[in-house]
C-alpha atoms as a PDB file:
ATOM      1  CA  MET A   1     205.929 -32.598 170.957  1.00  0.00           C
ATOM      2  CA  GLY A   2     203.460 -35.450 171.363  1.00  0.00           C
ATOM      3  CA  VAL A   3     199.832 -35.318 170.386  1.00  0.00           C
ATOM      4  CA  THR A   4     197.605 -34.582 173.402  1.00  0.00           C
ATOM      5  CA  ARG A   5     194.149 -35.990 173.766  1.00  0.00           C
ATOM      6  CA  LEU A   6     191.337 -33.627 174.613  1.00  0.00           C
ATOM      7  CA  LYS A   7     189.626 -34.194 177.883  1.00  0.00           C
ATOM      8  CA  ARG A   8     186.008 -35.256 177.812  1.00  0.00           C
ATOM      9  CA  LYS A   9     184.776 -31.728 178.586  1.00  0.00           C
ATOM     10  CA  ASP A  10     186.847 -30.145 175.835  1.00  0.00           C
ATOM     11  CA  ARG A  11     185.767 -32.795 173.270  1.00  0.00           C
ATOM     12  CA  ARG A  12     182.121 -32.123 174.197  1.00  0.00           C
ATOM     13  CA  ASN A  13     182.620 -28.339 173.852  1.00  0.00           C
ATOM     14  CA  LYS A  14     184.299 -28.782 170.451  1.00  0.00           C
ATOM     15  CA  THR A  15     181.418 -30.970 169.187  1.00  0.00           C
ATOM     16  CA  THR A  16     178.761 -28.646 170.619  1.00  0.00           C
ATOM     17  CA  SER A  17     180.249 -25.526 169.055  1.00  0.00           C
ATOM     18  CA  ARG A  18     180.573 -27.266 165.692  1.00  0.00           C
ATOM     19  CA  MET A  19     176.882 -28.327 165.854  1.00  0.00           C
ATOM     20  CA  GLU A  20     175.814 -24.779 166.842  1.00  0.00           C
ATOM     21  CA  VAL A  21     177.659 -23.340 163.810  1.00  0.00           C
ATOM     22  CA  GLN A  22     176.018 -25.896 161.522  1.00  0.00           C
ATOM     23  CA  PHE A  23     172.630 -25.166 163.034  1.00  0.00           C
ATOM     24  CA  LEU A  24     173.093 -21.366 162.484  1.00  0.00           C
ATOM     25  CA  LYS A  25     174.171 -21.921 158.926  1.00  0.00           C
ATOM     26  CA  LEU A  26     171.083 -24.040 158.185  1.00  0.00           C
ATOM     27  CA  GLY A  27     168.724 -21.615 159.920  1.00  0.00           C
ATOM     28  CA  ARG A  28     169.617 -18.623 157.766  1.00  0.00           C
ATOM     29  CA  ASN A  29     167.235 -17.887 154.964  1.00  0.00           C
ATOM     30  CA  VAL A  30     168.529 -14.721 153.425  1.00  0.00           C
ATOM     31  CA  GLU A  31     165.670 -14.087 151.026  1.00  0.00           C
ATOM     32  CA  LEU A  32     162.926 -16.080 149.417  1.00  0.00           C
ATOM     33  CA  GLY A  33     163.785 -17.598 146.064  1.00  0.00           C
ATOM     34  CA  SER A  34     167.511 -17.269 146.539  1.00  0.00           C
ATOM     35  CA  ARG A  35     170.084 -19.980 146.290  1.00  0.00           C
ATOM     36  CA  SER A  36     170.278 -19.964 150.092  1.00  0.00           C
ATOM     37  CA  GLU A  37     166.735 -21.159 150.461  1.00  0.00           C
ATOM     38  CA  MET A  38     166.421 -24.226 152.651  1.00  0.00           C
ATOM     39  CA  PRO A  39     165.684 -27.595 150.994  1.00  0.00           C
ATOM     40  CA  LYS A  40     162.075 -28.627 151.131  1.00  0.00           C
ATOM     41  CA  ASP A  41     162.958 -31.887 152.860  1.00  0.00           C
ATOM     42  CA  SER A  42     164.962 -30.143 155.589  1.00  0.00           C
ATOM     43  CA  GLN A  43     163.868 -30.936 159.112  1.00  0.00           C
ATOM     44  CA  ILE A  44     163.829 -27.233 160.094  1.00  0.00           C
ATOM     45  CA  THR A  45     161.497 -26.454 157.135  1.00  0.00           C
ATOM     46  CA  LYS A  46     159.195 -29.315 158.269  1.00  0.00           C
ATOM     47  CA  ASN A  47     159.251 -28.045 161.901  1.00  0.00           C
ATOM     48  CA  ASN A  48     158.432 -24.512 160.813  1.00  0.00           C
ATOM     49  CA  ALA A  49     155.512 -25.781 158.755  1.00  0.00           C
ATOM     50  CA  ILE A  50     154.072 -27.699 161.687  1.00  0.00           C
ATOM     51  CA  LEU A  51     154.526 -24.776 164.065  1.00  0.00           C
ATOM     52  CA  ASP A  52     152.814 -22.403 161.677  1.00  0.00           C
ATOM     53  CA  LYS A  53     149.898 -24.829 161.383  1.00  0.00           C
ATOM     54  CA  LEU A  54     149.608 -25.150 165.206  1.00  0.00           C
ATOM     55  CA  ALA A  55     149.748 -21.375 165.587  1.00  0.00           C
ATOM     56  CA  ALA A  56     146.966 -20.935 163.059  1.00  0.00           C
ATOM     57  CA  GLU A  57     144.842 -23.489 164.797  1.00  0.00           C
ATOM     58  CA  ALA A  58     145.400 -21.845 168.223  1.00  0.00           C
ATOM     59  CA  LYS A  59     143.991 -18.495 167.028  1.00  0.00           C
END
């Protein structure tokens, strides 16, 4: 049986689902101080800090 190429839509779905799984893995902080804590230079951590700052200024 020959190797079949994925159609563009299927390739896109495969990539999207892989990125979603990666995002969910990165976004899970089980508990503070644990090994699963996000790195300080993570983009998600930076975004959360900025959002917290903006929310505090809006109050």
